[in-house]
Structures are given as structure tokens and as C-alpha cells.
Amino acid sequence: KAGSRWNGDRVSASTHEYVDGQRRSERADFRAYGSVGQSFDDYARLLDNPRYAQARAAGHDTRRFAQALQRAGYATDPAYAAKINAIAEGATLNRALAALDGGTTRG
């Protein structure tokens, strides 16, 4: 999201937040980038925050990474870590990675 300290471009979008365990719809400003590369660079800078040290320490373990992000307050959705892990272990991502690897799949 584009918090008060964000000085770059913004885009407003509908989103869901969880407050006291209740899901509610709202509009929020998100960071906008000129390229995918800029987005990834900014995400890497964000994760450099000491708040996310346990996520960085997870290495290649996507489950631990997502759980650590959730514990650190990265997202308000109580199912955030499970959703990220489902994507990481899902068939769509595995097919895309296999195509990049020339037909070999992750194990």
C-alpha cells in the first residue's frame, strides 16, 4: 500500500481489510510503478525492514516465509499465509515454472 510516507505514484483500488476479525470492503491507495522490475525492487527494500527478518530467514520455505510475513503484520487477512502458500504450491505456478525450466517441475 501507499502509506503516508510514500512519495511515488499511487493508484486507488477497492480492497478488503480485516478489522477485529471482520472483513470489510474499502478503497485504499497502492504504490504504482513504471515497471514490474521497479515493483520487485521496492518489495525487496520493504522486506529489508527488521520487522520482516523472520520472513527473510525462511530461505526457500514459502510456507514459513508467508507465515512470518503474516505474523509481522504484512496483511490483515487472517488467511494470508495459507493463500500465499496455496499459490506457491499450486498447479498454475508449477506449470509456469516447468515451462521456464524446459519441462522440469519443482519438487
PDB file of N, CA and C in Angstrom:
ATOM      1  N   LYS A   1       0.837  -1.185   0.000  1.00  0.00           N
ATOM      2  CA  LYS A   1       0.000   0.000   0.000  1.00  0.00           C
ATOM      3  C   LYS A   1       0.878   1.243   0.000  1.00  0.00           C
ATOM      4  N   ALA A   2       0.273   2.332  -0.364  1.00  0.00           N
ATOM      5  CA  ALA A   2       0.977   3.615  -0.391  1.00  0.00           C
ATOM      6  C   ALA A   2       0.628   4.367   0.892  1.00  0.00           C
ATOM      7  N   GLY A   3       1.455   4.188   1.897  1.00  0.00           N
ATOM      8  CA  GLY A   3       1.233   4.867   3.169  1.00  0.00           C
ATOM      9  C   GLY A   3       1.590   6.341   3.095  1.00  0.00           C
ATOM     10  N   SER A   4       1.479   7.007   4.214  1.00  0.00           N
ATOM     11  CA  SER A   4       1.704   8.452   4.260  1.00  0.00           C
ATOM     12  C   SER A   4       3.139   8.842   3.895  1.00  0.00           C
ATOM     13  N   ARG A   5       4.097   7.937   4.070  1.00  0.00           N
ATOM     14  CA  ARG A   5       5.494   8.256   3.742  1.00  0.00           C
ATOM     15  C   ARG A   5       5.860   7.946   2.297  1.00  0.00           C
ATOM     16  N   TRP A   6       4.933   7.343   1.537  1.00  0.00           N
ATOM     17  CA  TRP A   6       5.204   7.013   0.140  1.00  0.00           C
ATOM     18  C   TRP A   6       5.102   8.270  -0.706  1.00  0.00           C
ATOM     19  N   ASN A   7       6.180   8.590  -1.441  1.00  0.00           N
ATOM     20  CA  ASN A   7       6.222   9.797  -2.268  1.00  0.00           C
ATOM     21  C   ASN A   7       6.049   9.512  -3.755  1.00  0.00           C
ATOM     22  N   GLY A   8       5.897   8.258  -4.123  1.00  0.00           N
ATOM     23  CA  GLY A   8       5.771   7.905  -5.529  1.00  0.00           C
ATOM     24  C   GLY A   8       4.336   7.955  -6.019  1.00  0.00           C
ATOM     25  N   ASP A   9       4.149   7.429  -7.219  1.00  0.00           N
ATOM     26  CA  ASP A   9       2.816   7.383  -7.818  1.00  0.00           C
ATOM     27  C   ASP A   9       1.921   6.440  -7.027  1.00  0.00           C
ATOM     28  N   ARG A  10       0.615   6.711  -7.130  1.00  0.00           N
ATOM     29  CA  ARG A  10      -0.387   5.920  -6.427  1.00  0.00           C
ATOM     30  C   ARG A  10      -1.519   5.555  -7.370  1.00  0.00           C
ATOM     31  N   VAL A  11      -2.206   4.479  -7.019  1.00  0.00           N
ATOM     32  CA  VAL A  11      -3.439   4.111  -7.689  1.00  0.00           C
ATOM     33  C   VAL A  11      -4.428   3.703  -6.600  1.00  0.00           C
ATOM     34  N   SER A  12      -5.651   4.184  -6.717  1.00  0.00           N
ATOM     35  CA  SER A  12      -6.687   3.853  -5.747  1.00  0.00           C
ATOM     36  C   SER A  12      -7.439   2.628  -6.243  1.00  0.00           C
ATOM     37  N   ALA A  13      -7.700   1.676  -5.331  1.00  0.00           N
ATOM     38  CA  ALA A  13      -8.401   0.451  -5.720  1.00  0.00           C
ATOM     39  C   ALA A  13      -9.236  -0.062  -4.559  1.00  0.00           C
ATOM     40  N   SER A  14     -10.246  -0.834  -4.892  1.00  0.00           N
ATOM     41  CA  SER A  14     -11.045  -1.500  -3.877  1.00  0.00           C
ATOM     42  C   SER A  14     -10.224  -2.627  -3.274  1.00  0.00           C
ATOM     43  N   THR A  15     -10.385  -2.834  -1.986  1.00  0.00           N
ATOM     44  CA  THR A  15      -9.650  -3.887  -1.301  1.00  0.00           C
ATOM     45  C   THR A  15     -10.483  -4.378  -0.129  1.00  0.00           C
ATOM     46  N   HIS A  16     -10.021  -5.439   0.484  1.00  0.00           N
ATOM     47  CA  HIS A  16     -10.659  -5.959   1.691  1.00  0.00           C
ATOM     48  C   HIS A  16      -9.654  -5.881   2.823  1.00  0.00           C
ATOM     49  N   GLU A  17     -10.104  -5.443   3.958  1.00  0.00           N
ATOM     50  CA  GLU A  17      -9.288  -5.411   5.166  1.00  0.00           C
ATOM     51  C   GLU A  17     -10.049  -6.144   6.260  1.00  0.00           C
ATOM     52  N   TYR A  18      -9.307  -6.676   7.194  1.00  0.00           N
ATOM     53  CA  TYR A  18      -9.908  -7.349   8.341  1.00  0.00           C
ATOM     54  C   TYR A  18      -9.634  -6.504   9.572  1.00  0.00           C
ATOM     55  N   VAL A  19     -10.690  -6.118  10.256  1.00  0.00           N
ATOM     56  CA  VAL A  19     -10.596  -5.322  11.472  1.00  0.00           C
ATOM     57  C   VAL A  19     -11.357  -6.083  12.554  1.00  0.00           C
ATOM     58  N   ASP A  20     -10.661  -6.406  13.634  1.00  0.00           N
ATOM     59  CA  ASP A  20     -11.260  -7.205  14.715  1.00  0.00           C
ATOM     60  C   ASP A  20     -11.887  -8.486  14.170  1.00  0.00           C
ATOM     61  N   GLY A  21     -11.204  -9.106  13.197  1.00  0.00           N
ATOM     62  CA  GLY A  21     -11.655 -10.366  12.630  1.00  0.00           C
ATOM     63  C   GLY A  21     -12.784 -10.265  11.625  1.00  0.00           C
ATOM     64  N   GLN A  22     -13.252  -9.062  11.356  1.00  0.00           N
ATOM     65  CA  GLN A  22     -14.349  -8.863  10.418  1.00  0.00           C
ATOM     66  C   GLN A  22     -13.832  -8.306   9.100  1.00  0.00           C
ATOM     67  N   ARG A  23     -14.253  -8.937   8.001  1.00  0.00           N
ATOM     68  CA  ARG A  23     -13.846  -8.468   6.670  1.00  0.00           C
ATOM     69  C   ARG A  23     -14.715  -7.277   6.274  1.00  0.00           C
ATOM     70  N   ARG A  24     -14.048  -6.248   5.765  1.00  0.00           N
ATOM     71  CA  ARG A  24     -14.807  -5.107   5.261  1.00  0.00           C
ATOM     72  C   ARG A  24     -14.160  -4.597   3.979  1.00  0.00           C
ATOM     73  N   SER A  25     -14.998  -4.063   3.103  1.00  0.00           N
ATOM     74  CA  SER A  25     -14.531  -3.520   1.831  1.00  0.00           C
ATOM     75  C   SER A  25     -14.219  -2.048   2.004  1.00  0.00           C
ATOM     76  N   GLU A  26     -13.164  -1.607   1.346  1.00  0.00           N
ATOM     77  CA  GLU A  26     -12.795  -0.191   1.377  1.00  0.00           C
ATOM     78  C   GLU A  26     -11.944   0.134   0.165  1.00  0.00           C
ATOM     79  N   ARG A  27     -11.696   1.408  -0.031  1.00  0.00           N
ATOM     80  CA  ARG A  27     -10.766   1.857  -1.070  1.00  0.00           C
ATOM     81  C   ARG A  27      -9.477   2.244  -0.379  1.00  0.00           C
ATOM     82  N   ALA A  28      -8.373   1.960  -1.048  1.00  0.00           N
ATOM     83  CA  ALA A  28      -7.070   2.301  -0.494  1.00  0.00           C
ATOM     84  C   ALA A  28      -6.135   2.687  -1.626  1.00  0.00           C
ATOM     85  N   ASP A  29      -5.120   3.453  -1.284  1.00  0.00           N
ATOM     86  CA  ASP A  29      -4.080   3.803  -2.242  1.00  0.00           C
ATOM     87  C   ASP A  29      -2.987   2.752  -2.209  1.00  0.00           C
ATOM     88  N   PHE A  30      -2.571   2.354  -3.401  1.00  0.00           N
ATOM     89  CA  PHE A  30      -1.489   1.392  -3.542  1.00  0.00           C
ATOM     90  C   PHE A  30      -0.355   2.043  -4.319  1.00  0.00           C
ATOM     91  N   ARG A  31       0.848   1.573  -4.095  1.00  0.00           N
ATOM     92  CA  ARG A  31       2.010   2.077  -4.820  1.00  0.00           C
ATOM     93  C   ARG A  31       1.888   1.704  -6.290  1.00  0.00           C
ATOM     94  N   ALA A  32       2.251   2.625  -7.154  1.00  0.00           N
ATOM     95  CA  ALA A  32       2.213   2.384  -8.602  1.00  0.00           C
ATOM     96  C   ALA A  32       3.634   2.487  -9.147  1.00  0.00           C
ATOM     97  N   TYR A  33       3.950   1.644 -10.098  1.00  0.00           N
ATOM     98  CA  TYR A  33       5.305   1.560 -10.633  1.00  0.00           C
ATOM     99  C   TYR A  33       5.293   1.651 -12.152  1.00  0.00           C
ATOM    100  N   GLY A  34       6.415   2.057 -12.693  1.00  0.00           N
ATOM    101  CA  GLY A  34       6.566   2.133 -14.134  1.00  0.00           C
ATOM    102  C   GLY A  34       6.899   0.804 -14.774  1.00  0.00           C
ATOM    103  N   SER A  35       7.296  -0.191 -13.958  1.00  0.00           N
ATOM    104  CA  SER A  35       7.649  -1.500 -14.497  1.00  0.00           C
ATOM    105  C   SER A  35       7.549  -2.549 -13.398  1.00  0.00           C
ATOM    106  N   VAL A  36       7.490  -3.795 -13.825  1.00  0.00           N
ATOM    107  CA  VAL A  36       7.486  -4.911 -12.882  1.00  0.00           C
ATOM    108  C   VAL A  36       8.784  -4.906 -12.072  1.00  0.00           C
ATOM    109  N   GLY A  37       9.899  -4.597 -12.742  1.00  0.00           N
ATOM    110  CA  GLY A  37      11.194  -4.557 -12.065  1.00  0.00           C
ATOM    111  C   GLY A  37      11.212  -3.547 -10.925  1.00  0.00           C
ATOM    112  N   GLN A  38      10.628  -2.374 -11.149  1.00  0.00           N
ATOM    113  CA  GLN A  38      10.561  -1.366 -10.081  1.00  0.00           C
ATOM    114  C   GLN A  38       9.738  -1.875  -8.901  1.00  0.00           C
ATOM    115  N   SER A  39       8.675  -2.593  -9.205  1.00  0.00           N
ATOM    116  CA  SER A  39       7.835  -3.165  -8.152  1.00  0.00           C
ATOM    117  C   SER A  39       8.633  -4.166  -7.309  1.00  0.00           C
ATOM    118  N   PHE A  40       9.362  -5.061  -7.977  1.00  0.00           N
ATOM    119  CA  PHE A  40      10.155  -6.058  -7.254  1.00  0.00           C
ATOM    120  C   PHE A  40      11.268  -5.397  -6.444  1.00  0.00           C
ATOM    121  N   ASP A  41      11.909  -4.385  -7.008  1.00  0.00           N
ATOM    122  CA  ASP A  41      12.957  -3.670  -6.266  1.00  0.00           C
ATOM    123  C   ASP A  41      12.398  -3.045  -5.000  1.00  0.00           C
ATOM    124  N   ASP A  42      11.227  -2.436  -5.096  1.00  0.00           N
ATOM    125  CA  ASP A  42      10.619  -1.800  -3.931  1.00  0.00           C
ATOM    126  C   ASP A  42      10.204  -2.847  -2.897  1.00  0.00           C
ATOM    127  N   TYR A  43       9.680  -3.979  -3.357  1.00  0.00           N
ATOM    128  CA  TYR A  43       9.297  -5.061  -2.444  1.00  0.00           C
ATOM    129  C   TYR A  43      10.527  -5.570  -1.691  1.00  0.00           C
ATOM    130  N   ALA A  44      11.645  -5.710  -2.386  1.00  0.00           N
ATOM    131  CA  ALA A  44      12.883  -6.151  -1.735  1.00  0.00           C
ATOM    132  C   ALA A  44      13.325  -5.135  -0.683  1.00  0.00           C
ATOM    133  N   ARG A  45      13.207  -3.843  -0.994  1.00  0.00           N
ATOM    134  CA  ARG A  45      13.545  -2.807   0.005  1.00  0.00           C
ATOM    135  C   ARG A  45      12.624  -2.890   1.207  1.00  0.00           C
ATOM    136  N   LEU A  46      11.343  -3.111   0.956  1.00  0.00           N
ATOM    137  CA  LEU A  46      10.379  -3.233   2.049  1.00  0.00           C
ATOM    138  C   LEU A  46      10.743  -4.396   2.966  1.00  0.00           C
ATOM    139  N   LEU A  47      11.079  -5.524   2.375  1.00  0.00           N
ATOM    140  CA  LEU A  47      11.414  -6.706   3.172  1.00  0.00           C
ATOM    141  C   LEU A  47      12.729  -6.565   3.923  1.00  0.00           C
ATOM    142  N   ASP A  48      13.530  -5.579   3.567  1.00  0.00           N
ATOM    143  CA  ASP A  48      14.789  -5.338   4.276  1.00  0.00           C
ATOM    144  C   ASP A  48      14.546  -4.761   5.674  1.00  0.00           C
ATOM    145  N   ASN A  49      13.323  -4.341   5.953  1.00  0.00           N
ATOM    146  CA  ASN A  49      12.952  -3.813   7.258  1.00  0.00           C
ATOM    147  C   ASN A  49      13.146  -4.908   8.315  1.00  0.00           C
ATOM    148  N   PRO A  50      13.735  -4.568   9.471  1.00  0.00           N
ATOM    149  CA  PRO A  50      13.929  -5.569  10.529  1.00  0.00           C
ATOM    150  C   PRO A  50      12.634  -6.289  10.932  1.00  0.00           C
ATOM    151  N   ARG A  51      11.505  -5.649  10.737  1.00  0.00           N
ATOM    152  CA  ARG A  51      10.206  -6.243  11.049  1.00  0.00           C
ATOM    153  C   ARG A  51      10.015  -7.579  10.313  1.00  0.00           C
ATOM    154  N   TYR A  52      10.641  -7.719   9.144  1.00  0.00           N
ATOM    155  CA  TYR A  52      10.464  -8.913   8.318  1.00  0.00           C
ATOM    156  C   TYR A  52      11.673  -9.852   8.360  1.00  0.00           C
ATOM    157  N   ALA A  53      12.496  -9.740   9.380  1.00  0.00           N
ATOM    158  CA  ALA A  53      13.703 -10.570   9.490  1.00  0.00           C
ATOM    159  C   ALA A  53      13.371 -12.063   9.491  1.00  0.00           C
ATOM    160  N   GLN A  54      12.323 -12.464  10.189  1.00  0.00           N
ATOM    161  CA  GLN A  54      11.977 -13.891  10.222  1.00  0.00           C
ATOM    162  C   GLN A  54      11.521 -14.385   8.850  1.00  0.00           C
ATOM    163  N   ALA A  55      10.872 -13.524   8.092  1.00  0.00           N
ATOM    164  CA  ALA A  55      10.467 -13.918   6.730  1.00  0.00           C
ATOM    165  C   ALA A  55      11.711 -14.136   5.875  1.00  0.00           C
ATOM    166  N   ARG A  56      12.655 -13.217   5.962  1.00  0.00           N
ATOM    167  CA  ARG A  56      13.892 -13.365   5.173  1.00  0.00           C
ATOM    168  C   ARG A  56      14.649 -14.619   5.591  1.00  0.00           C
ATOM    169  N   ALA A  57      14.581 -14.971   6.859  1.00  0.00           N
ATOM    170  CA  ALA A  57      15.301 -16.138   7.365  1.00  0.00           C
ATOM    171  C   ALA A  57      14.670 -17.456   6.912  1.00  0.00           C
ATOM    172  N   ALA A  58      13.490 -17.404   6.321  1.00  0.00           N
ATOM    173  CA  ALA A  58      12.797 -18.623   5.889  1.00  0.00           C
ATOM    174  C   ALA A  58      13.472 -19.279   4.689  1.00  0.00           C
ATOM    175  N   GLY A  59      14.354 -18.565   4.019  1.00  0.00           N
ATOM    176  CA  GLY A  59      15.037 -19.144   2.859  1.00  0.00           C
ATOM    177  C   GLY A  59      14.059 -19.494   1.764  1.00  0.00           C
ATOM    178  N   HIS A  60      14.110 -20.734   1.278  1.00  0.00           N
ATOM    179  CA  HIS A  60      13.253 -21.178   0.180  1.00  0.00           C
ATOM    180  C   HIS A  60      11.936 -21.780   0.669  1.00  0.00           C
ATOM    181  N   ASP A  61      11.691 -21.737   1.960  1.00  0.00           N
ATOM    182  CA  ASP A  61      10.473 -22.320   2.532  1.00  0.00           C
ATOM    183  C   ASP A  61       9.335 -21.311   2.424  1.00  0.00           C
ATOM    184  N   THR A  62       8.517 -21.442   1.388  1.00  0.00           N
ATOM    185  CA  THR A  62       7.458 -20.462   1.152  1.00  0.00           C
ATOM    186  C   THR A  62       6.418 -20.447   2.269  1.00  0.00           C
ATOM    187  N   ARG A  63       6.153 -21.579   2.862  1.00  0.00           N
ATOM    188  CA  ARG A  63       5.185 -21.636   3.962  1.00  0.00           C
ATOM    189  C   ARG A  63       5.677 -20.804   5.152  1.00  0.00           C
ATOM    190  N   ARG A  64       6.920 -21.026   5.557  1.00  0.00           N
ATOM    191  CA  ARG A  64       7.485 -20.249   6.676  1.00  0.00           C
ATOM    192  C   ARG A  64       7.570 -18.774   6.326  1.00  0.00           C
ATOM    193  N   PHE A  65       7.939 -18.453   5.088  1.00  0.00           N
ATOM    194  CA  PHE A  65       8.034 -17.068   4.640  1.00  0.00           C
ATOM    195  C   PHE A  65       6.683 -16.365   4.793  1.00  0.00           C
ATOM    196  N   ALA A  66       5.627 -16.972   4.250  1.00  0.00           N
ATOM    197  CA  ALA A  66       4.301 -16.361   4.297  1.00  0.00           C
ATOM    198  C   ALA A  66       3.796 -16.249   5.738  1.00  0.00           C
ATOM    199  N   GLN A  67       4.036 -17.261   6.541  1.00  0.00           N
ATOM    200  CA  GLN A  67       3.607 -17.209   7.942  1.00  0.00           C
ATOM    201  C   GLN A  67       4.330 -16.095   8.697  1.00  0.00           C
ATOM    202  N   ALA A  68       5.614 -15.934   8.428  1.00  0.00           N
ATOM    203  CA  ALA A  68       6.376 -14.869   9.086  1.00  0.00           C
ATOM    204  C   ALA A  68       5.896 -13.491   8.644  1.00  0.00           C
ATOM    205  N   LEU A  69       5.585 -13.338   7.362  1.00  0.00           N
ATOM    206  CA  LEU A  69       5.025 -12.062   6.893  1.00  0.00           C
ATOM    207  C   LEU A  69       3.723 -11.758   7.621  1.00  0.00           C
ATOM    208  N   GLN A  70       2.870 -12.767   7.743  1.00  0.00           N
ATOM    209  CA  GLN A  70       1.587 -12.562   8.406  1.00  0.00           C
ATOM    210  C   GLN A  70       1.789 -12.193   9.877  1.00  0.00           C
ATOM    211  N   ARG A  71       2.658 -12.904  10.569  1.00  0.00           N
ATOM    212  CA  ARG A  71       2.928 -12.588  11.988  1.00  0.00           C
ATOM    213  C   ARG A  71       3.481 -11.179  12.149  1.00  0.00           C
ATOM    214  N   ALA A  72       4.235 -10.701  11.166  1.00  0.00           N
ATOM    215  CA  ALA A  72       4.836  -9.360  11.247  1.00  0.00           C
ATOM    216  C   ALA A  72       3.838  -8.261  10.888  1.00  0.00           C
ATOM    217  N   GLY A  73       2.617  -8.639  10.513  1.00  0.00           N
ATOM    218  CA  GLY A  73       1.598  -7.642  10.209  1.00  0.00           C
ATOM    219  C   GLY A  73       1.574  -7.165   8.780  1.00  0.00           C
ATOM    220  N   TYR A  74       2.145  -7.945   7.853  1.00  0.00           N
ATOM    221  CA  TYR A  74       2.181  -7.532   6.450  1.00  0.00           C
ATOM    222  C   TYR A  74       0.780  -7.396   5.868  1.00  0.00           C
ATOM    223  N   ALA A  75      -0.140  -8.249   6.261  1.00  0.00           N
ATOM    224  CA  ALA A  75      -1.505  -8.230   5.737  1.00  0.00           C
ATOM    225  C   ALA A  75      -2.492  -8.412   6.882  1.00  0.00           C
ATOM    226  N   THR A  76      -3.697  -7.867   6.709  1.00  0.00           N
ATOM    227  CA  THR A  76      -4.709  -8.011   7.754  1.00  0.00           C
ATOM    228  C   THR A  76      -5.527  -9.285   7.609  1.00  0.00           C
ATOM    229  N   ASP A  77      -5.476  -9.926   6.451  1.00  0.00           N
ATOM    230  CA  ASP A  77      -6.260 -11.136   6.196  1.00  0.00           C
ATOM    231  C   ASP A  77      -5.721 -12.281   7.054  1.00  0.00           C
ATOM    232  N   PRO A  78      -6.550 -12.861   7.930  1.00  0.00           N
ATOM    233  CA  PRO A  78      -6.057 -13.955   8.766  1.00  0.00           C
ATOM    234  C   PRO A  78      -5.676 -15.202   7.968  1.00  0.00           C
ATOM    235  N   ALA A  79      -6.122 -15.298   6.726  1.00  0.00           N
ATOM    236  CA  ALA A  79      -5.785 -16.440   5.879  1.00  0.00           C
ATOM    237  C   ALA A  79      -4.690 -16.102   4.875  1.00  0.00           C
ATOM    238  N   TYR A  80      -4.013 -14.970   5.051  1.00  0.00           N
ATOM    239  CA  TYR A  80      -2.996 -14.518   4.093  1.00  0.00           C
ATOM    240  C   TYR A  80      -1.939 -15.594   3.826  1.00  0.00           C
ATOM    241  N   ALA A  81      -1.346 -16.136   4.874  1.00  0.00           N
ATOM    242  CA  ALA A  81      -0.263 -17.110   4.698  1.00  0.00           C
ATOM    243  C   ALA A  81      -0.753 -18.346   3.960  1.00  0.00           C
ATOM    244  N   ALA A  82      -1.925 -18.828   4.292  1.00  0.00           N
ATOM    245  CA  ALA A  82      -2.469 -20.011   3.620  1.00  0.00           C
ATOM    246  C   ALA A  82      -2.721 -19.730   2.145  1.00  0.00           C
ATOM    247  N   LYS A  83      -3.212 -18.544   1.821  1.00  0.00           N
ATOM    248  CA  LYS A  83      -3.475 -18.182   0.427  1.00  0.00           C
ATOM    249  C   LYS A  83      -2.178 -18.096  -0.371  1.00  0.00           C
ATOM    250  N   ILE A  84      -1.154 -17.473   0.196  1.00  0.00           N
ATOM    251  CA  ILE A  84       0.140 -17.362  -0.492  1.00  0.00           C
ATOM    252  C   ILE A  84       0.733 -18.743  -0.713  1.00  0.00           C
ATOM    253  N   ASN A  85       0.641 -19.592   0.292  1.00  0.00           N
ATOM    254  CA  ASN A  85       1.183 -20.940   0.161  1.00  0.00           C
ATOM    255  C   ASN A  85       0.427 -21.740  -0.894  1.00  0.00           C
ATOM    256  N   ALA A  86      -0.885 -21.572  -0.971  1.00  0.00           N
ATOM    257  CA  ALA A  86      -1.675 -22.279  -1.989  1.00  0.00           C
ATOM    258  C   ALA A  86      -1.243 -21.855  -3.390  1.00  0.00           C
ATOM    259  N   ILE A  87      -0.949 -20.587  -3.566  1.00  0.00           N
ATOM    260  CA  ILE A  87      -0.449 -20.114  -4.867  1.00  0.00           C
ATOM    261  C   ILE A  87       0.926 -20.702  -5.146  1.00  0.00           C
ATOM    262  N   ALA A  88       1.804 -20.657  -4.146  1.00  0.00           N
ATOM    263  CA  ALA A  88       3.181 -21.134  -4.324  1.00  0.00           C
ATOM    264  C   ALA A  88       3.237 -22.623  -4.637  1.00  0.00           C
ATOM    265  N   GLU A  89       2.299 -23.380  -4.096  1.00  0.00           N
ATOM    266  CA  GLU A  89       2.305 -24.825  -4.317  1.00  0.00           C
ATOM    267  C   GLU A  89       1.294 -25.261  -5.367  1.00  0.00           C
ATOM    268  N   GLY A  90       0.631 -24.303  -5.986  1.00  0.00           N
ATOM    269  CA  GLY A  90      -0.439 -24.613  -6.926  1.00  0.00           C
ATOM    270  C   GLY A  90       0.033 -25.044  -8.297  1.00  0.00           C
ATOM    271  N   ALA A  91      -0.885 -25.653  -9.001  1.00  0.00           N
ATOM    272  CA  ALA A  91      -0.597 -26.199 -10.334  1.00  0.00           C
ATOM    273  C   ALA A  91      -0.240 -25.108 -11.341  1.00  0.00           C
ATOM    274  N   THR A  92      -0.890 -23.962 -11.268  1.00  0.00           N
ATOM    275  CA  THR A  92      -0.623 -22.898 -12.247  1.00  0.00           C
ATOM    276  C   THR A  92       0.818 -22.424 -12.156  1.00  0.00           C
ATOM    277  N   LEU A  93       1.288 -22.152 -10.952  1.00  0.00           N
ATOM    278  CA  LEU A  93       2.671 -21.703 -10.792  1.00  0.00           C
ATOM    279  C   LEU A  93       3.637 -22.814 -11.174  1.00  0.00           C
ATOM    280  N   ASN A  94       3.338 -24.026 -10.797  1.00  0.00           N
ATOM    281  CA  ASN A  94       4.224 -25.132 -11.151  1.00  0.00           C
ATOM    282  C   ASN A  94       4.322 -25.317 -12.661  1.00  0.00           C
ATOM    283  N   ARG A  95       3.206 -25.147 -13.386  1.00  0.00           N
ATOM    284  CA  ARG A  95       3.257 -25.236 -14.856  1.00  0.00           C
ATOM    285  C   ARG A  95       4.111 -24.123 -15.441  1.00  0.00           C
ATOM    286  N   ALA A  96       3.946 -22.918 -14.912  1.00  0.00           N
ATOM    287  CA  ALA A  96       4.734 -21.785 -15.412  1.00  0.00           C
ATOM    288  C   ALA A  96       6.217 -21.997 -15.149  1.00  0.00           C
ATOM    289  N   LEU A  97       6.565 -22.480 -13.977  1.00  0.00           N
ATOM    290  CA  LEU A  97       7.970 -22.736 -13.653  1.00  0.00           C
ATOM    291  C   LEU A  97       8.530 -23.873 -14.496  1.00  0.00           C
ATOM    292  N   ALA A  98       7.716 -24.885 -14.735  1.00  0.00           N
ATOM    293  CA  ALA A  98       8.167 -26.001 -15.574  1.00  0.00           C
ATOM    294  C   ALA A  98       8.457 -25.517 -16.988  1.00  0.00           C
ATOM    295  N   ALA A  99       7.647 -24.605 -17.489  1.00  0.00           N
ATOM    296  CA  ALA A  99       7.881 -24.064 -18.829  1.00  0.00           C
ATOM    297  C   ALA A  99       9.192 -23.290 -18.872  1.00  0.00           C
ATOM    298  N   LEU A 100       9.492 -22.569 -17.806  1.00  0.00           N
ATOM    299  CA  LEU A 100      10.752 -21.823 -17.747  1.00  0.00           C
ATOM    300  C   LEU A 100      11.953 -22.755 -17.639  1.00  0.00           C
ATOM    301  N   ASP A 101      11.762 -23.877 -16.936  1.00  0.00           N
ATOM    302  CA  ASP A 101      12.840 -24.849 -16.719  1.00  0.00           C
ATOM    303  C   ASP A 101      12.990 -25.835 -17.859  1.00  0.00           C
ATOM    304  N   GLY A 102      12.233 -25.654 -18.916  1.00  0.00           N
ATOM    305  CA  GLY A 102      12.311 -26.570 -20.041  1.00  0.00           C
ATOM    306  C   GLY A 102      11.616 -27.890 -19.786  1.00  0.00           C
ATOM    307  N   GLY A 103      10.611 -27.890 -18.915  1.00  0.00           N
ATOM    308  CA  GLY A 103       9.819 -29.093 -18.700  1.00  0.00           C
ATOM    309  C   GLY A 103      10.043 -29.777 -17.371  1.00  0.00           C
ATOM    310  N   THR A 104      11.001 -29.349 -16.570  1.00  0.00           N
ATOM    311  CA  THR A 104      11.199 -29.961 -15.262  1.00  0.00           C
ATOM    312  C   THR A 104      10.338 -29.217 -14.241  1.00  0.00           C
ATOM    313  N   THR A 105       9.823 -29.941 -13.273  1.00  0.00           N
ATOM    314  CA  THR A 105       8.967 -29.327 -12.253  1.00  0.00           C
ATOM    315  C   THR A 105       9.716 -29.209 -10.946  1.00  0.00           C
ATOM    316  N   ARG A 106       9.153 -28.315 -10.108  1.00  0.00           N
ATOM    317  CA  ARG A 106       9.715 -28.155  -8.767  1.00  0.00           C
ATOM    318  C   ARG A 106       9.374 -29.370  -7.937  1.00  0.00           C
ATOM    319  N   GLY A 107      10.246 -29.634  -6.958  1.00  0.00           N
ATOM    320  CA  GLY A 107       9.953 -30.762  -6.091  1.00  0.00           C
ATOM    321  C   GLY A 107       9.872 -30.406  -4.671  1.00  0.00           C
TER     322      GLY A 107
END
